[in-house]
Amino acid sequence: MGKTKIPIVPTAVIFDFGIGDFLIRPDQQIGIPGLSECSKKVEEGSVGVGTGATVGKLFGIERAMKGGVGTSSIRGPNGLIVGALLW
């Protein structure tokens, strides 16, 4: 069996300012206290980057719907975990 090449995406961008208040930005005052609330559980839905996510804009923003963020992962037999973040 041949080797499978898996692309690694080191960064991604979401730019959906049509939903919510695009003037609200995270800053040090909300970031530092948030560190104490970090966990290994990843929230899904209309949270974090998913807050402003929209889908279905192929035929114009007026046809868009609210989106969100989701995750998926699988652990291989040797312990390697492969994960994906979707929005």
PDB file of N, CA and C in Angstrom:
ATOM      1  N   MET A   1       0.844  -1.173   0.000  1.00  0.00           N
ATOM      2  CA  MET A   1       0.000   0.000   0.000  1.00  0.00           C
ATOM      3  C   MET A   1       0.895   1.244   0.000  1.00  0.00           C
ATOM      4  N   GLY A   2       0.549   2.234  -0.819  1.00  0.00           N
ATOM      5  CA  GLY A   2       1.329   3.457  -0.906  1.00  0.00           C
ATOM      6  C   GLY A   2       1.082   4.382   0.277  1.00  0.00           C
ATOM      7  N   LYS A   3       1.956   5.353   0.408  1.00  0.00           N
ATOM      8  CA  LYS A   3       1.803   6.331   1.483  1.00  0.00           C
ATOM      9  C   LYS A   3       0.768   7.376   1.088  1.00  0.00           C
ATOM     10  N   THR A   4      -0.013   7.811   2.061  1.00  0.00           N
ATOM     11  CA  THR A   4      -1.003   8.856   1.839  1.00  0.00           C
ATOM     12  C   THR A   4      -0.447  10.164   2.355  1.00  0.00           C
ATOM     13  N   LYS A   5      -0.487  11.202   1.532  1.00  0.00           N
ATOM     14  CA  LYS A   5      -0.047  12.517   1.955  1.00  0.00           C
ATOM     15  C   LYS A   5      -1.238  13.261   2.543  1.00  0.00           C
ATOM     16  N   ILE A   6      -1.077  13.755   3.765  1.00  0.00           N
ATOM     17  CA  ILE A   6      -2.137  14.491   4.444  1.00  0.00           C
ATOM     18  C   ILE A   6      -1.724  15.956   4.516  1.00  0.00           C
ATOM     19  N   PRO A   7      -2.520  16.863   3.921  1.00  0.00           N
ATOM     20  CA  PRO A   7      -2.164  18.283   3.993  1.00  0.00           C
ATOM     21  C   PRO A   7      -2.345  18.816   5.409  1.00  0.00           C
ATOM     22  N   ILE A   8      -1.421  19.636   5.839  1.00  0.00           N
ATOM     23  CA  ILE A   8      -1.501  20.279   7.145  1.00  0.00           C
ATOM     24  C   ILE A   8      -1.858  21.739   6.922  1.00  0.00           C
ATOM     25  N   VAL A   9      -2.925  22.196   7.560  1.00  0.00           N
ATOM     26  CA  VAL A   9      -3.356  23.589   7.438  1.00  0.00           C
ATOM     27  C   VAL A   9      -2.985  24.293   8.744  1.00  0.00           C
ATOM     28  N   PRO A  10      -1.913  25.095   8.732  1.00  0.00           N
ATOM     29  CA  PRO A  10      -1.466  25.711   9.984  1.00  0.00           C
ATOM     30  C   PRO A  10      -2.337  26.877  10.439  1.00  0.00           C
ATOM     31  N   THR A  11      -3.064  27.497   9.525  1.00  0.00           N
ATOM     32  CA  THR A  11      -3.918  28.619   9.899  1.00  0.00           C
ATOM     33  C   THR A  11      -5.162  28.624   9.026  1.00  0.00           C
ATOM     34  N   ALA A  12      -6.166  29.268   9.505  1.00  0.00           N
ATOM     35  CA  ALA A  12      -7.398  29.422   8.733  1.00  0.00           C
ATOM     36  C   ALA A  12      -8.029  30.748   9.131  1.00  0.00           C
ATOM     37  N   VAL A  13      -8.872  31.255   8.275  1.00  0.00           N
ATOM     38  CA  VAL A  13      -9.492  32.553   8.522  1.00  0.00           C
ATOM     39  C   VAL A  13     -10.989  32.440   8.288  1.00  0.00           C
ATOM     40  N   ILE A  14     -11.759  33.080   9.149  1.00  0.00           N
ATOM     41  CA  ILE A  14     -13.195  33.204   8.921  1.00  0.00           C
ATOM     42  C   ILE A  14     -13.516  34.691   8.930  1.00  0.00           C
ATOM     43  N   PHE A  15     -14.227  35.139   7.926  1.00  0.00           N
ATOM     44  CA  PHE A  15     -14.538  36.558   7.793  1.00  0.00           C
ATOM     45  C   PHE A  15     -16.024  36.689   7.498  1.00  0.00           C
ATOM     46  N   ASP A  16     -16.826  36.645   8.519  1.00  0.00           N
ATOM     47  CA  ASP A  16     -18.269  36.767   8.384  1.00  0.00           C
ATOM     48  C   ASP A  16     -18.766  37.841   9.332  1.00  0.00           C
ATOM     49  N   PHE A  17     -18.604  39.088   8.938  1.00  0.00           N
ATOM     50  CA  PHE A  17     -19.022  40.184   9.801  1.00  0.00           C
ATOM     51  C   PHE A  17     -20.460  40.621   9.536  1.00  0.00           C
ATOM     52  N   GLY A  18     -21.199  39.899   8.706  1.00  0.00           N
ATOM     53  CA  GLY A  18     -22.581  40.259   8.438  1.00  0.00           C
ATOM     54  C   GLY A  18     -23.527  39.868   9.556  1.00  0.00           C
ATOM     55  N   ILE A  19     -23.069  39.057  10.489  1.00  0.00           N
ATOM     56  CA  ILE A  19     -23.882  38.588  11.612  1.00  0.00           C
ATOM     57  C   ILE A  19     -23.263  39.133  12.897  1.00  0.00           C
ATOM     58  N   GLY A  20     -24.076  39.639  13.786  1.00  0.00           N
ATOM     59  CA  GLY A  20     -23.580  40.124  15.080  1.00  0.00           C
ATOM     60  C   GLY A  20     -22.927  41.493  14.974  1.00  0.00           C
ATOM     61  N   ASP A  21     -22.229  41.893  16.028  1.00  0.00           N
ATOM     62  CA  ASP A  21     -21.582  43.204  16.110  1.00  0.00           C
ATOM     63  C   ASP A  21     -20.109  43.049  15.766  1.00  0.00           C
ATOM     64  N   PHE A  22     -19.728  43.445  14.556  1.00  0.00           N
ATOM     65  CA  PHE A  22     -18.353  43.271  14.109  1.00  0.00           C
ATOM     66  C   PHE A  22     -17.378  44.238  14.781  1.00  0.00           C
ATOM     67  N   LEU A  23     -17.881  45.183  15.571  1.00  0.00           N
ATOM     68  CA  LEU A  23     -16.996  46.108  16.285  1.00  0.00           C
ATOM     69  C   LEU A  23     -16.472  45.514  17.589  1.00  0.00           C
ATOM     70  N   ILE A  24     -17.077  44.448  18.077  1.00  0.00           N
ATOM     71  CA  ILE A  24     -16.622  43.807  19.310  1.00  0.00           C
ATOM     72  C   ILE A  24     -15.389  42.973  19.004  1.00  0.00           C
ATOM     73  N   ARG A  25     -14.312  43.218  19.720  1.00  0.00           N
ATOM     74  CA  ARG A  25     -13.058  42.496  19.515  1.00  0.00           C
ATOM     75  C   ARG A  25     -12.550  41.967  20.857  1.00  0.00           C
ATOM     76  N   PRO A  26     -11.990  40.768  20.866  1.00  0.00           N
ATOM     77  CA  PRO A  26     -11.371  40.291  22.107  1.00  0.00           C
ATOM     78  C   PRO A  26     -10.146  41.137  22.439  1.00  0.00           C
ATOM     79  N   ASP A  27      -9.910  41.347  23.714  1.00  0.00           N
ATOM     80  CA  ASP A  27      -8.746  42.110  24.143  1.00  0.00           C
ATOM     81  C   ASP A  27      -8.128  41.445  25.372  1.00  0.00           C
ATOM     82  N   GLN A  28      -7.109  42.064  25.917  1.00  0.00           N
ATOM     83  CA  GLN A  28      -6.397  41.503  27.057  1.00  0.00           C
ATOM     84  C   GLN A  28      -7.310  41.350  28.275  1.00  0.00           C
ATOM     85  N   GLN A  29      -8.233  42.279  28.460  1.00  0.00           N
ATOM     86  CA  GLN A  29      -9.111  42.232  29.634  1.00  0.00           C
ATOM     87  C   GLN A  29     -10.022  41.011  29.639  1.00  0.00           C
ATOM     88  N   ILE A  30     -10.436  40.542  28.472  1.00  0.00           N
ATOM     89  CA  ILE A  30     -11.262  39.329  28.466  1.00  0.00           C
ATOM     90  C   ILE A  30     -10.438  38.083  28.176  1.00  0.00           C
ATOM     91  N   GLY A  31      -9.253  38.257  27.590  1.00  0.00           N
ATOM     92  CA  GLY A  31      -8.419  37.109  27.246  1.00  0.00           C
ATOM     93  C   GLY A  31      -7.738  36.469  28.437  1.00  0.00           C
ATOM     94  N   ILE A  32      -7.141  37.274  29.294  1.00  0.00           N
ATOM     95  CA  ILE A  32      -6.398  36.732  30.437  1.00  0.00           C
ATOM     96  C   ILE A  32      -7.308  35.969  31.398  1.00  0.00           C
ATOM     97  N   PRO A  33      -8.456  36.518  31.824  1.00  0.00           N
ATOM     98  CA  PRO A  33      -9.336  35.718  32.692  1.00  0.00           C
ATOM     99  C   PRO A  33      -9.817  34.438  32.006  1.00  0.00           C
ATOM    100  N   GLY A  34      -9.952  34.480  30.675  1.00  0.00           N
ATOM    101  CA  GLY A  34     -10.396  33.306  29.946  1.00  0.00           C
ATOM    102  C   GLY A  34      -9.420  32.152  30.025  1.00  0.00           C
ATOM    103  N   LEU A  35      -8.137  32.446  30.231  1.00  0.00           N
ATOM    104  CA  LEU A  35      -7.133  31.384  30.340  1.00  0.00           C
ATOM    105  C   LEU A  35      -7.419  30.445  31.501  1.00  0.00           C
ATOM    106  N   SER A  36      -7.956  30.990  32.601  1.00  0.00           N
ATOM    107  CA  SER A  36      -8.236  30.142  33.762  1.00  0.00           C
ATOM    108  C   SER A  36      -9.445  29.239  33.520  1.00  0.00           C
ATOM    109  N   GLU A  37     -10.213  29.518  32.482  1.00  0.00           N
ATOM    110  CA  GLU A  37     -11.392  28.718  32.176  1.00  0.00           C
ATOM    111  C   GLU A  37     -11.162  27.745  31.013  1.00  0.00           C
ATOM    112  N   CYS A  38      -9.919  27.655  30.547  1.00  0.00           N
ATOM    113  CA  CYS A  38      -9.617  26.757  29.430  1.00  0.00           C
ATOM    114  C   CYS A  38      -9.836  25.307  29.836  1.00  0.00           C
ATOM    115  N   SER A  39     -10.252  24.510  28.885  1.00  0.00           N
ATOM    116  CA  SER A  39     -10.428  23.081  29.132  1.00  0.00           C
ATOM    117  C   SER A  39     -10.074  22.319  27.867  1.00  0.00           C
ATOM    118  N   LYS A  40     -10.066  21.024  27.958  1.00  0.00           N
ATOM    119  CA  LYS A  40      -9.790  20.199  26.793  1.00  0.00           C
ATOM    120  C   LYS A  40     -11.045  20.004  25.947  1.00  0.00           C
ATOM    121  N   LYS A  41     -12.200  20.367  26.493  1.00  0.00           N
ATOM    122  CA  LYS A  41     -13.454  20.245  25.747  1.00  0.00           C
ATOM    123  C   LYS A  41     -13.575  21.430  24.795  1.00  0.00           C
ATOM    124  N   VAL A  42     -13.883  21.138  23.546  1.00  0.00           N
ATOM    125  CA  VAL A  42     -14.050  22.180  22.539  1.00  0.00           C
ATOM    126  C   VAL A  42     -15.542  22.421  22.346  1.00  0.00           C
ATOM    127  N   GLU A  43     -15.971  23.660  22.582  1.00  0.00           N
ATOM    128  CA  GLU A  43     -17.378  24.002  22.385  1.00  0.00           C
ATOM    129  C   GLU A  43     -17.698  24.009  20.902  1.00  0.00           C
ATOM    130  N   GLU A  44     -18.915  23.634  20.549  1.00  0.00           N
ATOM    131  CA  GLU A  44     -19.355  23.631  19.165  1.00  0.00           C
ATOM    132  C   GLU A  44     -20.619  24.465  19.022  1.00  0.00           C
ATOM    133  N   GLY A  45     -20.887  24.904  17.803  1.00  0.00           N
ATOM    134  CA  GLY A  45     -22.085  25.690  17.532  1.00  0.00           C
ATOM    135  C   GLY A  45     -21.747  27.152  17.307  1.00  0.00           C
ATOM    136  N   SER A  46     -22.618  28.025  17.768  1.00  0.00           N
ATOM    137  CA  SER A  46     -22.447  29.461  17.569  1.00  0.00           C
ATOM    138  C   SER A  46     -21.645  30.063  18.714  1.00  0.00           C
ATOM    139  N   VAL A  47     -20.415  29.606  18.856  1.00  0.00           N
ATOM    140  CA  VAL A  47     -19.508  30.082  19.906  1.00  0.00           C
ATOM    141  C   VAL A  47     -18.147  30.359  19.290  1.00  0.00           C
ATOM    142  N   GLY A  48     -17.358  31.185  19.929  1.00  0.00           N
ATOM    143  CA  GLY A  48     -16.016  31.473  19.442  1.00  0.00           C
ATOM    144  C   GLY A  48     -16.041  31.917  18.000  1.00  0.00           C
ATOM    145  N   VAL A  49     -15.201  31.291  17.178  1.00  0.00           N
ATOM    146  CA  VAL A  49     -15.150  31.645  15.755  1.00  0.00           C
ATOM    147  C   VAL A  49     -16.485  31.386  15.072  1.00  0.00           C
ATOM    148  N   GLY A  50     -17.281  30.487  15.604  1.00  0.00           N
ATOM    149  CA  GLY A  50     -18.582  30.184  15.015  1.00  0.00           C
ATOM    150  C   GLY A  50     -19.638  31.238  15.253  1.00  0.00           C
ATOM    151  N   THR A  51     -19.358  32.211  16.129  1.00  0.00           N
ATOM    152  CA  THR A  51     -20.337  33.246  16.453  1.00  0.00           C
ATOM    153  C   THR A  51     -20.781  34.017  15.216  1.00  0.00           C
ATOM    154  N   GLY A  52     -19.864  34.357  14.355  1.00  0.00           N
ATOM    155  CA  GLY A  52     -20.205  35.119  13.157  1.00  0.00           C
ATOM    156  C   GLY A  52     -20.291  34.293  11.898  1.00  0.00           C
ATOM    157  N   ALA A  53     -20.255  32.978  12.029  1.00  0.00           N
ATOM    158  CA  ALA A  53     -20.231  32.120  10.836  1.00  0.00           C
ATOM    159  C   ALA A  53     -21.581  32.090  10.129  1.00  0.00           C
ATOM    160  N   THR A  54     -21.538  32.170   8.807  1.00  0.00           N
ATOM    161  CA  THR A  54     -22.738  32.019   7.989  1.00  0.00           C
ATOM    162  C   THR A  54     -22.447  31.013   6.877  1.00  0.00           C
ATOM    163  N   VAL A  55     -23.494  30.418   6.360  1.00  0.00           N
ATOM    164  CA  VAL A  55     -23.361  29.452   5.265  1.00  0.00           C
ATOM    165  C   VAL A  55     -24.377  29.793   4.187  1.00  0.00           C
ATOM    166  N   GLY A  56     -24.194  29.259   2.993  1.00  0.00           N
ATOM    167  CA  GLY A  56     -25.166  29.419   1.924  1.00  0.00           C
ATOM    168  C   GLY A  56     -25.130  30.767   1.233  1.00  0.00           C
ATOM    169  N   LYS A  57     -23.937  31.320   1.038  1.00  0.00           N
ATOM    170  CA  LYS A  57     -23.828  32.653   0.429  1.00  0.00           C
ATOM    171  C   LYS A  57     -23.554  32.594  -1.077  1.00  0.00           C
ATOM    172  N   LEU A  58     -23.637  31.415  -1.668  1.00  0.00           N
ATOM    173  CA  LEU A  58     -23.343  31.274  -3.089  1.00  0.00           C
ATOM    174  C   LEU A  58     -24.223  32.187  -3.946  1.00  0.00           C
ATOM    175  N   PHE A  59     -25.483  32.344  -3.557  1.00  0.00           N
ATOM    176  CA  PHE A  59     -26.415  33.174  -4.326  1.00  0.00           C
ATOM    177  C   PHE A  59     -26.698  34.512  -3.642  1.00  0.00           C
ATOM    178  N   GLY A  60     -25.753  34.995  -2.831  1.00  0.00           N
ATOM    179  CA  GLY A  60     -25.879  36.305  -2.196  1.00  0.00           C
ATOM    180  C   GLY A  60     -26.091  36.230  -0.701  1.00  0.00           C
ATOM    181  N   ILE A  61     -25.661  37.276  -0.005  1.00  0.00           N
ATOM    182  CA  ILE A  61     -25.730  37.324   1.459  1.00  0.00           C
ATOM    183  C   ILE A  61     -27.174  37.252   1.953  1.00  0.00           C
ATOM    184  N   GLU A  62     -28.124  37.718   1.141  1.00  0.00           N
ATOM    185  CA  GLU A  62     -29.526  37.681   1.560  1.00  0.00           C
ATOM    186  C   GLU A  62     -30.057  36.249   1.673  1.00  0.00           C
ATOM    187  N   ARG A  63     -29.359  35.288   1.085  1.00  0.00           N
ATOM    188  CA  ARG A  63     -29.769  33.881   1.175  1.00  0.00           C
ATOM    189  C   ARG A  63     -28.959  33.127   2.230  1.00  0.00           C
ATOM    190  N   ALA A  64     -28.061  33.819   2.929  1.00  0.00           N
ATOM    191  CA  ALA A  64     -27.198  33.172   3.925  1.00  0.00           C
ATOM    192  C   ALA A  64     -28.001  32.736   5.146  1.00  0.00           C
ATOM    193  N   MET A  65     -27.473  31.735   5.828  1.00  0.00           N
ATOM    194  CA  MET A  65     -28.068  31.247   7.074  1.00  0.00           C
ATOM    195  C   MET A  65     -26.990  31.219   8.150  1.00  0.00           C
ATOM    196  N   LYS A  66     -27.419  31.238   9.393  1.00  0.00           N
ATOM    197  CA  LYS A  66     -26.494  31.178  10.524  1.00  0.00           C
ATOM    198  C   LYS A  66     -25.758  29.851  10.495  1.00  0.00           C
ATOM    199  N   GLY A  67     -24.466  29.909  10.736  1.00  0.00           N
ATOM    200  CA  GLY A  67     -23.636  28.706  10.795  1.00  0.00           C
ATOM    201  C   GLY A  67     -23.073  28.521  12.189  1.00  0.00           C
ATOM    202  N   GLY A  68     -21.949  27.877  12.282  1.00  0.00           N
ATOM    203  CA  GLY A  68     -21.301  27.633  13.569  1.00  0.00           C
ATOM    204  C   GLY A  68     -19.974  26.939  13.348  1.00  0.00           C
ATOM    205  N   VAL A  69     -19.466  26.336  14.393  1.00  0.00           N
ATOM    206  CA  VAL A  69     -18.192  25.634  14.337  1.00  0.00           C
ATOM    207  C   VAL A  69     -18.402  24.218  14.869  1.00  0.00           C
ATOM    208  N   GLY A  70     -17.703  23.268  14.272  1.00  0.00           N
ATOM    209  CA  GLY A  70     -17.795  21.881  14.710  1.00  0.00           C
ATOM    210  C   GLY A  70     -16.426  21.229  14.675  1.00  0.00           C
ATOM    211  N   THR A  71     -16.293  20.107  15.327  1.00  0.00           N
ATOM    212  CA  THR A  71     -15.020  19.394  15.360  1.00  0.00           C
ATOM    213  C   THR A  71     -15.244  17.903  15.143  1.00  0.00           C
ATOM    214  N   SER A  72     -14.193  17.256  14.736  1.00  0.00           N
ATOM    215  CA  SER A  72     -14.212  15.809  14.614  1.00  0.00           C
ATOM    216  C   SER A  72     -12.780  15.306  14.770  1.00  0.00           C
ATOM    217  N   SER A  73     -12.613  14.130  15.335  1.00  0.00           N
ATOM    218  CA  SER A  73     -11.277  13.550  15.452  1.00  0.00           C
ATOM    219  C   SER A  73     -11.377  12.035  15.494  1.00  0.00           C
ATOM    220  N   ILE A  74     -10.264  11.412  15.206  1.00  0.00           N
ATOM    221  CA  ILE A  74     -10.184   9.951  15.261  1.00  0.00           C
ATOM    222  C   ILE A  74      -8.800   9.575  15.785  1.00  0.00           C
ATOM    223  N   ARG A  75      -8.757   8.556  16.622  1.00  0.00           N
ATOM    224  CA  ARG A  75      -7.485   8.062  17.162  1.00  0.00           C
ATOM    225  C   ARG A  75      -7.108   6.791  16.410  1.00  0.00           C
ATOM    226  N   GLY A  76      -5.921   6.781  15.845  1.00  0.00           N
ATOM    227  CA  GLY A  76      -5.438   5.619  15.118  1.00  0.00           C
ATOM    228  C   GLY A  76      -4.931   4.539  16.050  1.00  0.00           C
ATOM    229  N   PRO A  77      -4.622   3.371  15.515  1.00  0.00           N
ATOM    230  CA  PRO A  77      -4.176   2.245  16.336  1.00  0.00           C
ATOM    231  C   PRO A  77      -2.848   2.500  17.051  1.00  0.00           C
ATOM    232  N   ASN A  78      -2.031   3.422  16.522  1.00  0.00           N
ATOM    233  CA  ASN A  78      -0.756   3.715  17.173  1.00  0.00           C
ATOM    234  C   ASN A  78      -0.852   4.916  18.131  1.00  0.00           C
ATOM    235  N   GLY A  79      -2.078   5.414  18.371  1.00  0.00           N
ATOM    236  CA  GLY A  79      -2.276   6.514  19.308  1.00  0.00           C
ATOM    237  C   GLY A  79      -2.309   7.900  18.675  1.00  0.00           C
ATOM    238  N   LEU A  80      -1.974   7.991  17.386  1.00  0.00           N
ATOM    239  CA  LEU A  80      -2.000   9.275  16.707  1.00  0.00           C
ATOM    240  C   LEU A  80      -3.442   9.770  16.585  1.00  0.00           C
ATOM    241  N   ILE A  81      -3.683  11.028  16.939  1.00  0.00           N
ATOM    242  CA  ILE A  81      -5.014  11.622  16.820  1.00  0.00           C
ATOM    243  C   ILE A  81      -5.003  12.614  15.664  1.00  0.00           C
ATOM    244  N   VAL A  82      -5.964  12.463  14.766  1.00  0.00           N
ATOM    245  CA  VAL A  82      -6.132  13.386  13.649  1.00  0.00           C
ATOM    246  C   VAL A  82      -7.446  14.108  13.874  1.00  0.00           C
ATOM    247  N   GLY A  83      -7.397  15.443  13.850  1.00  0.00           N
ATOM    248  CA  GLY A  83      -8.594  16.224  14.113  1.00  0.00           C
ATOM    249  C   GLY A  83      -8.857  17.244  13.041  1.00  0.00           C
ATOM    250  N   ALA A  84     -10.091  17.723  13.007  1.00  0.00           N
ATOM    251  CA  ALA A  84     -10.492  18.760  12.050  1.00  0.00           C
ATOM    252  C   ALA A  84     -11.408  19.749  12.752  1.00  0.00           C
ATOM    253  N   LEU A  85     -11.279  21.009  12.396  1.00  0.00           N
ATOM    254  CA  LEU A  85     -12.149  22.068  12.889  1.00  0.00           C
ATOM    255  C   LEU A  85     -12.930  22.573  11.679  1.00  0.00           C
ATOM    256  N   LEU A  86     -14.243  22.558  11.763  1.00  0.00           N
ATOM    257  CA  LEU A  86     -15.093  22.894  10.629  1.00  0.00           C
ATOM    258  C   LEU A  86     -15.981  24.078  10.968  1.00  0.00           C
ATOM    259  N   TRP A  87     -16.191  24.942   9.995  1.00  0.00           N
ATOM    260  CA  TRP A  87     -17.183  26.011  10.176  1.00  0.00           C
ATOM    261  C   TRP A  87     -17.840  26.314   8.880  1.00  0.00           C
TER     262      TRP A  87
END
